[in-house]
Protein backbone atom coordinates (compact mmCIF):
# COMPACT_ATOMS: atom_id res chain seq x y z
CA UNK A 1 -85.19 2.59 -5.46
CA UNK A 2 -81.51 1.63 -5.83
CA UNK A 3 -78.55 1.37 -3.43
CA UNK A 4 -75.55 3.56 -4.15
CA UNK A 5 -72.19 2.77 -2.47
CA UNK A 6 -69.45 5.14 -1.52
CA UNK A 7 -65.77 4.20 -1.40
CA UNK A 8 -66.21 0.63 -2.72
CA UNK A 9 -64.43 -0.32 -5.88
CA UNK A 10 -67.18 -2.46 -7.46
CA UNK A 11 -68.39 -3.08 -10.95
CA UNK A 12 -70.22 -0.17 -12.41
CA UNK A 13 -73.43 -2.19 -12.93
CA UNK A 14 -73.64 -2.59 -9.10
CA UNK A 15 -73.13 1.16 -8.25
CA UNK A 16 -76.77 1.96 -8.07
CA UNK A 17 -77.17 5.28 -9.88
CA UNK A 18 -80.66 5.15 -11.41
CA UNK A 19 -80.71 5.61 -15.15
CA UNK A 20 -76.93 5.81 -15.34
CA UNK A 21 -75.52 2.47 -14.09
CA UNK A 22 -78.81 0.54 -13.75
CA UNK A 23 -82.51 0.87 -14.07
CA UNK A 24 -84.51 2.12 -11.15
CA UNK A 25 -86.51 -0.62 -9.39
CA UNK A 26 -90.20 -0.16 -9.25
CA UNK A 27 -92.59 -1.50 -6.53
CA UNK A 28 -92.58 -5.33 -6.38
CA UNK A 29 -89.48 -5.42 -8.74
CA UNK A 30 -86.23 -7.10 -7.54
CA UNK A 31 -82.61 -6.48 -8.18
CA UNK A 32 -79.86 -8.64 -6.66
CA UNK A 33 -76.59 -6.98 -6.00
CA UNK A 34 -73.73 -9.48 -6.40
CA UNK A 35 -70.14 -8.44 -5.89
CA UNK A 36 -67.16 -9.29 -3.80
CA UNK A 37 -65.77 -6.18 -2.08
CA UNK A 38 -62.00 -5.96 -2.99
CA UNK A 39 -60.96 -4.01 0.15
CA UNK A 40 -61.72 -4.30 3.82
CA UNK A 41 -62.92 -1.21 5.48
CA UNK A 42 -65.97 0.81 6.61
CA UNK A 43 -68.03 2.22 3.84
CA UNK A 44 -71.45 3.93 3.60
CA UNK A 45 -74.35 3.67 1.25
CA UNK A 46 -77.77 5.22 0.61
CA UNK A 47 -80.77 4.40 -1.43
C-alpha cells in the first residue's frame, strides 16, 4: 500500500506510486511520509 497525492508539489520520493517513485509497502512494513506542503489548499489523495 502507498499513498498517492494529487495537486501537491512534493518530492518525487513522497508521491506514492508503487514501483515508480517508491517501493510498495507489505503487511507489517512501515514508510514515513515526510514533507512540507509548499502551497495552502485543499488536495486529495488515495492509497
